[in-house]
Amino acid sequence: MRTRVLTLLAAATVAVAAPATASAATIIGGFSAGLVNVTSSTAAIGADTTFSNGGSAVLGSSGDLSSVALFTSFLTSSVTATSGAAVTFNAVFGSFAGTVAKVTTGTNFVTIYTLGDFTPTAASGYDKGKASVAFTFNQAGGAGSDISGSFSFASPPSPIPEPATWGMMIAGAGMAGAAVRRRRASAKVAAA
């Protein structure tokens, strides 16, 4: 009996004295960004279109990424509206590498949903984790007109939205594009 007690006591001492492995937290949060100087590989946007941009700027952030300042700029890779296409971005606060999981198209819009991994760089104490990025491209004036683009990042990944959710998101992006278009037209009238 005494041997058993000493064995248990020794095992408990070793367990307490053994170094514990630290485990950092997974990032839970997100941000939205606007894309600058968006161009496409085709006059009318749709499936298989490749979108390029001159950069991105953070327009809002939440959760563990709420410390990312508004208008923080970073570069995103070109994005092709084809399932399985690679997508990346690099910023001071972290990097994302993933692939296109779903593409939704409609009249004058394309939405690209990607899944991948986010590796935080400036947010110390966090582990690499799964994330999603949803890109929305809008061509309010039809083929050959300017293209607006935005995206939202979420960690952990947002579920792939149903068509009704996409519809609401596209309508919102369309209204934002129309507002920008209207603002440009009124600025031209005021300048004249």
C-alpha atoms as a PDB file:
ATOM      1  CA  MET A   1       0.000   0.000   0.000  1.00  0.00           C
ATOM      2  CA  ARG A   2       2.817   2.364   0.928  1.00  0.00           C
ATOM      3  CA  THR A   3       4.567   1.657  -2.403  1.00  0.00           C
ATOM      4  CA  ARG A   4       1.391   2.451  -4.302  1.00  0.00           C
ATOM      5  CA  VAL A   5       1.007   5.809  -2.505  1.00  0.00           C
ATOM      6  CA  LEU A   6       4.647   6.712  -3.179  1.00  0.00           C
ATOM      7  CA  THR A   7       4.260   5.759  -6.850  1.00  0.00           C
ATOM      8  CA  LEU A   8       1.140   7.923  -7.212  1.00  0.00           C
ATOM      9  CA  LEU A   9       2.864  10.799  -5.397  1.00  0.00           C
ATOM     10  CA  ALA A  10       5.911  10.526  -7.693  1.00  0.00           C
ATOM     11  CA  ALA A  11       3.695  10.427 -10.799  1.00  0.00           C
ATOM     12  CA  ALA A  12       1.770  13.501  -9.625  1.00  0.00           C
ATOM     13  CA  THR A  13       5.029  15.363  -8.955  1.00  0.00           C
ATOM     14  CA  VAL A  14       6.356  14.559 -12.438  1.00  0.00           C
ATOM     15  CA  ALA A  15       3.062  15.616 -14.043  1.00  0.00           C
ATOM     16  CA  VAL A  16       3.036  18.958 -12.226  1.00  0.00           C
ATOM     17  CA  ALA A  17       6.744  19.633 -12.805  1.00  0.00           C
ATOM     18  CA  ALA A  18       6.674  18.746 -16.521  1.00  0.00           C
ATOM     19  CA  PRO A  19       6.704  21.759 -18.805  1.00  0.00           C
ATOM     20  CA  ALA A  20       3.289  22.549 -20.214  1.00  0.00           C
ATOM     21  CA  THR A  21       2.993  23.187 -23.917  1.00  0.00           C
ATOM     22  CA  ALA A  22       1.574  26.591 -24.673  1.00  0.00           C
ATOM     23  CA  SER A  23      -1.277  26.785 -27.092  1.00  0.00           C
ATOM     24  CA  ALA A  24      -2.179  30.104 -28.635  1.00  0.00           C
ATOM     25  CA  ALA A  25      -5.732  31.050 -29.478  1.00  0.00           C
ATOM     26  CA  THR A  26      -7.312  30.966 -32.898  1.00  0.00           C
ATOM     27  CA  ILE A  27      -8.264  34.371 -34.266  1.00  0.00           C
ATOM     28  CA  ILE A  28     -11.986  35.075 -34.097  1.00  0.00           C
ATOM     29  CA  GLY A  29     -12.883  38.197 -35.986  1.00  0.00           C
ATOM     30  CA  GLY A  30     -12.975  39.727 -39.405  1.00  0.00           C
ATOM     31  CA  PHE A  31     -12.663  42.776 -41.575  1.00  0.00           C
ATOM     32  CA  SER A  32     -14.101  44.214 -44.752  1.00  0.00           C
ATOM     33  CA  ALA A  33     -12.056  45.881 -47.461  1.00  0.00           C
ATOM     34  CA  GLY A  34     -12.527  47.856 -50.632  1.00  0.00           C
ATOM     35  CA  LEU A  35     -10.546  47.087 -53.775  1.00  0.00           C
ATOM     36  CA  VAL A  36      -8.896  49.874 -55.774  1.00  0.00           C
ATOM     37  CA  ASN A  37      -8.523  50.086 -59.591  1.00  0.00           C
ATOM     38  CA  VAL A  38     -10.319  46.809 -60.330  1.00  0.00           C
ATOM     39  CA  THR A  39      -9.886  45.438 -63.849  1.00  0.00           C
ATOM     40  CA  SER A  40     -11.152  42.240 -65.465  1.00  0.00           C
ATOM     41  CA  SER A  41      -9.935  39.881 -68.164  1.00  0.00           C
ATOM     42  CA  THR A  42     -13.228  40.294 -70.084  1.00  0.00           C
ATOM     43  CA  ALA A  43     -15.455  43.265 -71.031  1.00  0.00           C
ATOM     44  CA  ALA A  44     -18.491  41.714 -69.309  1.00  0.00           C
ATOM     45  CA  ILE A  45     -17.776  40.047 -65.969  1.00  0.00           C
ATOM     46  CA  GLY A  46     -18.889  36.482 -65.230  1.00  0.00           C
ATOM     47  CA  ALA A  47     -17.637  32.989 -64.445  1.00  0.00           C
ATOM     48  CA  ASP A  48     -13.948  32.407 -65.264  1.00  0.00           C
ATOM     49  CA  THR A  49     -13.214  36.172 -65.277  1.00  0.00           C
ATOM     50  CA  THR A  50      -9.903  37.127 -63.664  1.00  0.00           C
ATOM     51  CA  PHE A  51     -10.037  40.269 -61.515  1.00  0.00           C
ATOM     52  CA  SER A  52      -6.942  42.342 -60.776  1.00  0.00           C
ATOM     53  CA  ASN A  53      -6.679  45.352 -58.505  1.00  0.00           C
ATOM     54  CA  GLY A  54      -4.283  48.078 -57.478  1.00  0.00           C
ATOM     55  CA  GLY A  55      -4.603  47.289 -53.795  1.00  0.00           C
ATOM     56  CA  SER A  56      -7.030  47.016 -50.922  1.00  0.00           C
ATOM     57  CA  ALA A  57      -7.930  49.126 -47.921  1.00  0.00           C
ATOM     58  CA  VAL A  58      -9.571  47.982 -44.679  1.00  0.00           C
ATOM     59  CA  LEU A  59     -12.999  49.622 -44.232  1.00  0.00           C
ATOM     60  CA  GLY A  60     -13.981  47.981 -40.935  1.00  0.00           C
ATOM     61  CA  SER A  61     -12.800  45.291 -38.524  1.00  0.00           C
ATOM     62  CA  SER A  62     -14.146  43.261 -35.608  1.00  0.00           C
ATOM     63  CA  GLY A  63     -13.231  40.755 -32.908  1.00  0.00           C
ATOM     64  CA  ASP A  64      -9.564  39.865 -32.531  1.00  0.00           C
ATOM     65  CA  LEU A  65      -8.806  41.915 -35.655  1.00  0.00           C
ATOM     66  CA  SER A  66     -10.460  45.093 -34.330  1.00  0.00           C
ATOM     67  CA  SER A  67      -7.010  46.626 -33.810  1.00  0.00           C
ATOM     68  CA  VAL A  68      -6.471  46.719 -37.593  1.00  0.00           C
ATOM     69  CA  ALA A  69      -6.721  50.425 -38.431  1.00  0.00           C
ATOM     70  CA  LEU A  70      -9.175  51.787 -40.980  1.00  0.00           C
ATOM     71  CA  PHE A  71      -7.670  52.297 -44.432  1.00  0.00           C
ATOM     72  CA  THR A  72      -4.757  49.921 -43.720  1.00  0.00           C
ATOM     73  CA  SER A  73      -3.655  49.033 -47.238  1.00  0.00           C
ATOM     74  CA  PHE A  74      -2.386  45.700 -48.527  1.00  0.00           C
ATOM     75  CA  LEU A  75      -2.143  43.735 -51.760  1.00  0.00           C
ATOM     76  CA  THR A  76      -4.352  40.884 -52.879  1.00  0.00           C
ATOM     77  CA  SER A  77      -3.553  38.495 -55.680  1.00  0.00           C
ATOM     78  CA  SER A  78      -5.576  38.422 -58.859  1.00  0.00           C
ATOM     79  CA  VAL A  79      -8.786  36.479 -58.270  1.00  0.00           C
ATOM     80  CA  THR A  80     -10.229  34.131 -60.897  1.00  0.00           C
ATOM     81  CA  ALA A  81     -13.929  33.249 -60.686  1.00  0.00           C
ATOM     82  CA  THR A  82     -13.269  29.512 -61.081  1.00  0.00           C
ATOM     83  CA  SER A  83     -13.663  26.842 -58.387  1.00  0.00           C
ATOM     84  CA  GLY A  84     -10.265  25.683 -57.150  1.00  0.00           C
ATOM     85  CA  ALA A  85      -8.366  28.836 -58.232  1.00  0.00           C
ATOM     86  CA  ALA A  86      -5.734  30.057 -55.751  1.00  0.00           C
ATOM     87  CA  VAL A  87      -6.274  33.285 -53.766  1.00  0.00           C
ATOM     88  CA  THR A  88      -3.762  35.057 -51.494  1.00  0.00           C
ATOM     89  CA  PHE A  89      -3.230  38.324 -49.677  1.00  0.00           C
ATOM     90  CA  ASN A  90      -0.405  39.685 -47.547  1.00  0.00           C
ATOM     91  CA  ALA A  91      -0.736  42.478 -45.012  1.00  0.00           C
ATOM     92  CA  VAL A  92       1.111  43.793 -41.975  1.00  0.00           C
ATOM     93  CA  PHE A  93      -1.379  41.970 -39.743  1.00  0.00           C
ATOM     94  CA  GLY A  94      -1.249  38.576 -41.493  1.00  0.00           C
ATOM     95  CA  SER A  95      -1.527  36.566 -44.681  1.00  0.00           C
ATOM     96  CA  PHE A  96      -4.209  34.393 -46.279  1.00  0.00           C
ATOM     97  CA  ALA A  97      -3.790  31.497 -48.706  1.00  0.00           C
ATOM     98  CA  GLY A  98      -6.791  29.605 -50.005  1.00  0.00           C
ATOM     99  CA  THR A  99      -8.817  28.453 -52.983  1.00  0.00           C
ATOM    100  CA  VAL A 100     -12.136  29.404 -54.544  1.00  0.00           C
ATOM    101  CA  ALA A 101     -14.904  27.212 -53.097  1.00  0.00           C
ATOM    102  CA  LYS A 102     -17.979  28.713 -54.808  1.00  0.00           C
ATOM    103  CA  VAL A 103     -18.743  31.254 -57.540  1.00  0.00           C
ATOM    104  CA  THR A 104     -22.110  32.978 -57.932  1.00  0.00           C
ATOM    105  CA  THR A 105     -22.818  35.100 -61.004  1.00  0.00           C
ATOM    106  CA  GLY A 106     -25.678  37.286 -62.127  1.00  0.00           C
ATOM    107  CA  THR A 107     -26.355  40.282 -64.310  1.00  0.00           C
ATOM    108  CA  ASN A 108     -23.357  42.575 -63.806  1.00  0.00           C
ATOM    109  CA  PHE A 109     -21.999  40.896 -60.640  1.00  0.00           C
ATOM    110  CA  VAL A 110     -19.738  38.053 -59.535  1.00  0.00           C
ATOM    111  CA  THR A 111     -19.307  36.803 -55.980  1.00  0.00           C
ATOM    112  CA  ILE A 112     -16.371  34.532 -55.159  1.00  0.00           C
ATOM    113  CA  TYR A 113     -16.284  32.610 -51.854  1.00  0.00           C
ATOM    114  CA  THR A 114     -12.858  31.263 -50.815  1.00  0.00           C
ATOM    115  CA  LEU A 115     -11.683  29.004 -47.992  1.00  0.00           C
ATOM    116  CA  GLY A 116      -8.126  28.793 -46.697  1.00  0.00           C
ATOM    117  CA  ASP A 117      -5.698  29.498 -43.865  1.00  0.00           C
ATOM    118  CA  PHE A 118      -4.952  32.809 -42.147  1.00  0.00           C
ATOM    119  CA  THR A 119      -1.526  33.258 -40.566  1.00  0.00           C
ATOM    120  CA  PRO A 120      -1.396  36.257 -38.212  1.00  0.00           C
ATOM    121  CA  THR A 121       1.881  38.181 -38.144  1.00  0.00           C
ATOM    122  CA  ALA A 122       1.243  41.305 -36.072  1.00  0.00           C
ATOM    123  CA  ALA A 123      -1.278  39.615 -33.763  1.00  0.00           C
ATOM    124  CA  SER A 124       1.135  37.706 -31.544  1.00  0.00           C
ATOM    125  CA  GLY A 125      -0.324  34.983 -29.380  1.00  0.00           C
ATOM    126  CA  TYR A 126      -2.575  33.623 -32.116  1.00  0.00           C
ATOM    127  CA  ASP A 127      -2.273  30.434 -34.129  1.00  0.00           C
ATOM    128  CA  LYS A 128      -2.712  29.923 -37.834  1.00  0.00           C
ATOM    129  CA  GLY A 129      -6.370  29.106 -38.447  1.00  0.00           C
ATOM    130  CA  LYS A 130      -9.054  28.453 -41.027  1.00  0.00           C
ATOM    131  CA  ALA A 131     -10.658  31.513 -42.619  1.00  0.00           C
ATOM    132  CA  SER A 132     -12.908  32.586 -45.469  1.00  0.00           C
ATOM    133  CA  VAL A 133     -12.858  35.516 -47.863  1.00  0.00           C
ATOM    134  CA  ALA A 134     -15.930  36.528 -49.899  1.00  0.00           C
ATOM    135  CA  PHE A 135     -15.176  38.812 -52.882  1.00  0.00           C
ATOM    136  CA  THR A 136     -17.935  40.768 -54.634  1.00  0.00           C
ATOM    137  CA  PHE A 137     -17.355  42.435 -58.004  1.00  0.00           C
ATOM    138  CA  ASN A 138     -19.978  44.701 -59.557  1.00  0.00           C
ATOM    139  CA  GLN A 139     -20.221  46.238 -63.020  1.00  0.00           C
ATOM    140  CA  ALA A 140     -23.265  48.496 -62.594  1.00  0.00           C
ATOM    141  CA  GLY A 141     -22.993  50.073 -66.060  1.00  0.00           C
ATOM    142  CA  GLY A 142     -22.815  46.759 -67.921  1.00  0.00           C
ATOM    143  CA  ALA A 143     -20.095  45.395 -70.205  1.00  0.00           C
ATOM    144  CA  GLY A 144     -17.073  47.653 -70.568  1.00  0.00           C
ATOM    145  CA  SER A 145     -17.983  49.947 -67.645  1.00  0.00           C
ATOM    146  CA  ASP A 146     -16.070  50.479 -64.402  1.00  0.00           C
ATOM    147  CA  ILE A 147     -15.913  47.608 -61.919  1.00  0.00           C
ATOM    148  CA  SER A 148     -16.208  48.051 -58.164  1.00  0.00           C
ATOM    149  CA  GLY A 149     -14.977  45.397 -55.783  1.00  0.00           C
ATOM    150  CA  SER A 150     -14.993  44.602 -52.101  1.00  0.00           C
ATOM    151  CA  PHE A 151     -14.452  41.630 -49.840  1.00  0.00           C
ATOM    152  CA  SER A 152     -15.027  40.434 -46.324  1.00  0.00           C
ATOM    153  CA  PHE A 153     -12.704  38.211 -44.283  1.00  0.00           C
ATOM    154  CA  ALA A 154     -13.873  35.957 -41.443  1.00  0.00           C
ATOM    155  CA  SER A 155     -12.024  33.660 -39.053  1.00  0.00           C
ATOM    156  CA  PRO A 156     -13.272  31.035 -38.334  1.00  0.00           C
ATOM    157  CA  PRO A 157     -14.761  30.667 -41.824  1.00  0.00           C
ATOM    158  CA  SER A 158     -18.284  31.796 -42.518  1.00  0.00           C
ATOM    159  CA  PRO A 159     -20.509  29.059 -43.907  1.00  0.00           C
ATOM    160  CA  ILE A 160     -21.033  29.148 -47.668  1.00  0.00           C
ATOM    161  CA  PRO A 161     -24.042  31.465 -48.014  1.00  0.00           C
ATOM    162  CA  GLU A 162     -27.297  30.329 -49.538  1.00  0.00           C
ATOM    163  CA  PRO A 163     -28.517  32.047 -52.733  1.00  0.00           C
ATOM    164  CA  ALA A 164     -30.865  34.407 -50.828  1.00  0.00           C
ATOM    165  CA  THR A 165     -27.971  35.632 -48.689  1.00  0.00           C
ATOM    166  CA  TRP A 166     -25.882  36.194 -51.795  1.00  0.00           C
ATOM    167  CA  GLY A 167     -28.775  38.141 -53.307  1.00  0.00           C
ATOM    168  CA  MET A 168     -28.924  40.512 -50.351  1.00  0.00           C
ATOM    169  CA  MET A 169     -25.149  40.939 -50.365  1.00  0.00           C
ATOM    170  CA  ILE A 170     -25.113  41.637 -54.109  1.00  0.00           C
ATOM    171  CA  ALA A 171     -27.987  44.121 -53.785  1.00  0.00           C
ATOM    172  CA  GLY A 172     -26.022  45.985 -51.117  1.00  0.00           C
ATOM    173  CA  ALA A 173     -22.885  46.051 -53.254  1.00  0.00           C
ATOM    174  CA  GLY A 174     -24.971  47.227 -56.219  1.00  0.00           C
ATOM    175  CA  MET A 175     -26.455  50.059 -54.182  1.00  0.00           C
ATOM    176  CA  ALA A 176     -22.977  51.082 -53.035  1.00  0.00           C
ATOM    177  CA  GLY A 177     -21.786  51.080 -56.664  1.00  0.00           C
ATOM    178  CA  ALA A 178     -24.817  53.126 -57.735  1.00  0.00           C
ATOM    179  CA  ALA A 179     -24.124  55.653 -54.973  1.00  0.00           C
ATOM    180  CA  VAL A 180     -20.516  56.033 -56.132  1.00  0.00           C
ATOM    181  CA  ARG A 181     -21.690  56.393 -59.733  1.00  0.00           C
ATOM    182  CA  ARG A 182     -24.284  59.021 -58.732  1.00  0.00           C
ATOM    183  CA  ARG A 183     -21.670  60.891 -56.686  1.00  0.00           C
ATOM    184  CA  ARG A 184     -19.326  61.003 -59.724  1.00  0.00           C
ATOM    185  CA  ALA A 185     -22.132  62.327 -61.949  1.00  0.00           C
ATOM    186  CA  SER A 186     -23.116  65.058 -59.469  1.00  0.00           C
ATOM    187  CA  ALA A 187     -19.459  66.051 -59.046  1.00  0.00           C
ATOM    188  CA  LYS A 188     -19.156  66.519 -62.832  1.00  0.00           C
ATOM    189  CA  VAL A 189     -22.311  68.696 -62.884  1.00  0.00           C
ATOM    190  CA  ALA A 190     -21.047  70.799 -59.980  1.00  0.00           C
ATOM    191  CA  ALA A 191     -17.682  71.291 -61.696  1.00  0.00           C
ATOM    192  CA  ALA A 192     -19.323  72.492 -64.923  1.00  0.00           C
END
